[in-house]
Amino acid sequence: MSQQQQQDFLIAYTVDRMTEYLIEDHDLPIIKALQFIYNSDTYQKLIQTDNGLYEQSPSYVYELLNKEYHTGVA
């Protein structure tokens, strides 16, 4: 598996877990959870692989996303 494939896998896995967390914590339908994630500043940071955020645990990245959900600020 190439480094790019590993990065893509970890990002996709993190998005999957964050989607589950949003649905559980905020009772959102899956489509709303995904829309929020893909339009968030947190997601933009996640896909910028040079900062290493994609290497963090999904629960850590979700804490950033959840803060953004509540405050509007990443």
N, C-alpha and C. Protein backbone atom coordinates (compact mmCIF):
# COMPACT_ATOMS: atom_id res chain seq x y z
N MET A 1 0.86 -1.17 0.00
CA MET A 1 0.00 0.00 0.00
C MET A 1 0.91 1.23 0.00
N SER A 2 0.65 2.15 -0.92
CA SER A 2 1.46 3.36 -1.01
C SER A 2 1.10 4.33 0.12
N GLN A 3 1.96 5.32 0.31
CA GLN A 3 1.70 6.31 1.35
C GLN A 3 0.40 7.06 1.07
N GLN A 4 0.14 7.37 -0.20
CA GLN A 4 -1.09 8.07 -0.56
C GLN A 4 -2.32 7.21 -0.23
N GLN A 5 -2.23 5.93 -0.51
CA GLN A 5 -3.34 5.02 -0.19
C GLN A 5 -3.55 4.94 1.32
N GLN A 6 -2.48 4.92 2.08
CA GLN A 6 -2.60 4.89 3.54
C GLN A 6 -3.26 6.16 4.06
N GLN A 7 -2.84 7.30 3.52
CA GLN A 7 -3.44 8.58 3.92
C GLN A 7 -4.93 8.60 3.59
N ASP A 8 -5.26 8.18 2.37
CA ASP A 8 -6.66 8.16 1.95
C ASP A 8 -7.49 7.25 2.84
N PHE A 9 -6.93 6.08 3.18
CA PHE A 9 -7.63 5.14 4.04
C PHE A 9 -7.88 5.75 5.42
N LEU A 10 -6.85 6.34 6.02
CA LEU A 10 -7.00 6.92 7.35
C LEU A 10 -7.99 8.09 7.36
N ILE A 11 -7.98 8.90 6.33
CA ILE A 11 -8.93 10.00 6.23
C ILE A 11 -10.35 9.46 6.11
N ALA A 12 -10.55 8.48 5.23
CA ALA A 12 -11.89 7.90 5.06
C ALA A 12 -12.37 7.25 6.36
N TYR A 13 -11.48 6.55 7.05
CA TYR A 13 -11.84 5.92 8.32
C TYR A 13 -12.24 6.97 9.35
N THR A 14 -11.48 8.06 9.42
CA THR A 14 -11.79 9.13 10.37
C THR A 14 -13.14 9.75 10.05
N VAL A 15 -13.42 9.98 8.77
CA VAL A 15 -14.72 10.54 8.38
C VAL A 15 -15.84 9.59 8.76
N ASP A 16 -15.65 8.29 8.54
CA ASP A 16 -16.66 7.30 8.92
C ASP A 16 -16.97 7.36 10.41
N ARG A 17 -15.92 7.38 11.22
CA ARG A 17 -16.12 7.41 12.67
C ARG A 17 -16.75 8.72 13.13
N MET A 18 -16.30 9.84 12.56
CA MET A 18 -16.88 11.13 12.94
C MET A 18 -18.35 11.19 12.56
N THR A 19 -18.71 10.59 11.45
CA THR A 19 -20.12 10.52 11.06
C THR A 19 -20.92 9.77 12.10
N GLU A 20 -20.41 8.63 12.54
CA GLU A 20 -21.08 7.86 13.58
C GLU A 20 -21.23 8.67 14.86
N TYR A 21 -20.16 9.36 15.26
CA TYR A 21 -20.21 10.16 16.49
C TYR A 21 -21.24 11.28 16.39
N LEU A 22 -21.27 11.97 15.25
CA LEU A 22 -22.25 13.06 15.08
C LEU A 22 -23.67 12.53 15.16
N ILE A 23 -23.91 11.40 14.52
CA ILE A 23 -25.25 10.80 14.54
C ILE A 23 -25.64 10.44 15.97
N GLU A 24 -24.72 9.82 16.70
CA GLU A 24 -25.01 9.41 18.07
C GLU A 24 -25.17 10.61 19.01
N ASP A 25 -24.27 11.57 18.92
CA ASP A 25 -24.25 12.69 19.87
C ASP A 25 -25.32 13.75 19.59
N HIS A 26 -25.66 13.93 18.33
CA HIS A 26 -26.55 15.03 17.97
C HIS A 26 -27.82 14.59 17.24
N ASP A 27 -28.02 13.29 17.17
CA ASP A 27 -29.23 12.73 16.57
C ASP A 27 -29.47 13.29 15.16
N LEU A 28 -28.40 13.34 14.37
CA LEU A 28 -28.50 13.84 13.00
C LEU A 28 -28.73 12.70 12.03
N PRO A 29 -29.47 12.97 10.96
CA PRO A 29 -29.52 11.97 9.89
C PRO A 29 -28.15 11.88 9.22
N ILE A 30 -27.85 10.77 8.63
CA ILE A 30 -26.52 10.55 8.05
C ILE A 30 -26.17 11.62 7.02
N ILE A 31 -27.11 12.02 6.21
CA ILE A 31 -26.82 13.01 5.17
C ILE A 31 -26.43 14.35 5.77
N LYS A 32 -27.08 14.76 6.85
CA LYS A 32 -26.74 16.03 7.53
C LYS A 32 -25.37 15.93 8.19
N ALA A 33 -25.08 14.79 8.78
CA ALA A 33 -23.77 14.60 9.41
C ALA A 33 -22.66 14.69 8.37
N LEU A 34 -22.84 14.02 7.25
CA LEU A 34 -21.83 14.07 6.19
C LEU A 34 -21.70 15.47 5.60
N GLN A 35 -22.81 16.15 5.40
CA GLN A 35 -22.75 17.52 4.89
C GLN A 35 -21.96 18.42 5.84
N PHE A 36 -22.23 18.27 7.12
CA PHE A 36 -21.50 19.09 8.08
C PHE A 36 -20.01 18.79 8.03
N ILE A 37 -19.66 17.52 8.01
CA ILE A 37 -18.24 17.15 7.99
C ILE A 37 -17.55 17.71 6.76
N TYR A 38 -18.11 17.44 5.58
CA TYR A 38 -17.44 17.83 4.35
C TYR A 38 -17.39 19.34 4.13
N ASN A 39 -18.23 20.09 4.83
CA ASN A 39 -18.22 21.55 4.73
C ASN A 39 -17.49 22.21 5.90
N SER A 40 -16.88 21.41 6.76
CA SER A 40 -16.25 21.95 7.97
C SER A 40 -14.80 22.35 7.73
N ASP A 41 -14.33 23.26 8.56
CA ASP A 41 -12.91 23.62 8.57
C ASP A 41 -12.07 22.45 9.07
N THR A 42 -12.64 21.67 9.96
CA THR A 42 -11.93 20.50 10.49
C THR A 42 -11.59 19.53 9.36
N TYR A 43 -12.53 19.29 8.46
CA TYR A 43 -12.29 18.40 7.33
C TYR A 43 -11.19 18.97 6.44
N GLN A 44 -11.22 20.26 6.21
CA GLN A 44 -10.19 20.89 5.38
C GLN A 44 -8.81 20.68 5.99
N LYS A 45 -8.74 20.77 7.30
CA LYS A 45 -7.46 20.51 7.99
C LYS A 45 -7.08 19.04 7.89
N LEU A 46 -8.08 18.16 7.98
CA LEU A 46 -7.83 16.72 7.93
C LEU A 46 -7.22 16.30 6.60
N ILE A 47 -7.68 16.88 5.51
CA ILE A 47 -7.20 16.47 4.19
C ILE A 47 -5.88 17.13 3.80
N GLN A 48 -5.42 18.09 4.58
CA GLN A 48 -4.10 18.68 4.36
C GLN A 48 -3.08 17.79 5.06
N THR A 49 -2.59 16.82 4.37
CA THR A 49 -1.80 15.76 5.00
C THR A 49 -0.46 16.24 5.55
N ASP A 50 -0.03 17.42 5.17
CA ASP A 50 1.26 17.90 5.67
C ASP A 50 1.23 18.24 7.16
N ASN A 51 0.04 18.45 7.72
CA ASN A 51 -0.05 18.80 9.15
C ASN A 51 -0.17 17.56 10.06
N GLY A 52 -0.37 16.39 9.49
CA GLY A 52 -0.40 15.16 10.26
C GLY A 52 -1.69 14.89 11.03
N LEU A 53 -2.71 15.73 10.85
CA LEU A 53 -3.97 15.51 11.58
C LEU A 53 -4.58 14.16 11.23
N TYR A 54 -4.45 13.73 9.99
CA TYR A 54 -5.03 12.45 9.58
C TYR A 54 -4.43 11.28 10.37
N GLU A 55 -3.27 11.47 10.98
CA GLU A 55 -2.63 10.41 11.75
C GLU A 55 -3.17 10.31 13.18
N GLN A 56 -3.94 11.29 13.61
CA GLN A 56 -4.50 11.30 14.97
C GLN A 56 -5.72 10.37 15.02
N SER A 57 -6.12 10.04 16.22
CA SER A 57 -7.27 9.14 16.37
C SER A 57 -8.55 9.85 15.91
N PRO A 58 -9.50 9.08 15.38
CA PRO A 58 -10.77 9.67 14.98
C PRO A 58 -11.47 10.41 16.13
N SER A 59 -11.34 9.91 17.35
CA SER A 59 -12.00 10.58 18.47
C SER A 59 -11.36 11.94 18.74
N TYR A 60 -10.05 12.06 18.55
CA TYR A 60 -9.38 13.36 18.72
C TYR A 60 -9.87 14.35 17.65
N VAL A 61 -9.91 13.90 16.41
CA VAL A 61 -10.36 14.78 15.33
C VAL A 61 -11.84 15.14 15.54
N TYR A 62 -12.62 14.19 16.05
CA TYR A 62 -14.02 14.47 16.33
C TYR A 62 -14.18 15.56 17.38
N GLU A 63 -13.32 15.58 18.37
CA GLU A 63 -13.40 16.65 19.39
C GLU A 63 -13.25 18.02 18.74
N LEU A 64 -12.37 18.13 17.76
CA LEU A 64 -12.23 19.38 17.01
C LEU A 64 -13.51 19.68 16.23
N LEU A 65 -14.04 18.66 15.59
CA LEU A 65 -15.27 18.82 14.80
C LEU A 65 -16.45 19.18 15.70
N ASN A 66 -16.54 18.54 16.84
CA ASN A 66 -17.65 18.79 17.76
C ASN A 66 -17.59 20.23 18.31
N LYS A 67 -16.38 20.69 18.57
CA LYS A 67 -16.21 22.08 18.98
C LYS A 67 -16.71 23.02 17.87
N GLU A 68 -16.35 22.69 16.64
CA GLU A 68 -16.82 23.50 15.51
C GLU A 68 -18.33 23.43 15.36
N TYR A 69 -18.90 22.27 15.63
CA TYR A 69 -20.35 22.11 15.55
C TYR A 69 -21.05 23.04 16.56
N HIS A 70 -20.49 23.13 17.75
CA HIS A 70 -21.11 23.94 18.81
C HIS A 70 -20.81 25.43 18.70
N THR A 71 -19.62 25.76 18.22
CA THR A 71 -19.21 27.17 18.23
C THR A 71 -19.14 27.80 16.84
N GLY A 72 -19.05 26.97 15.82
CA GLY A 72 -18.87 27.49 14.47
C GLY A 72 -17.42 27.82 14.14
N VAL A 73 -16.53 27.52 15.10
CA VAL A 73 -15.11 27.81 14.92
C VAL A 73 -14.31 26.52 15.08
N ALA A 74 -13.42 26.29 14.14
CA ALA A 74 -12.60 25.05 14.20
C ALA A 74 -11.49 25.19 15.21
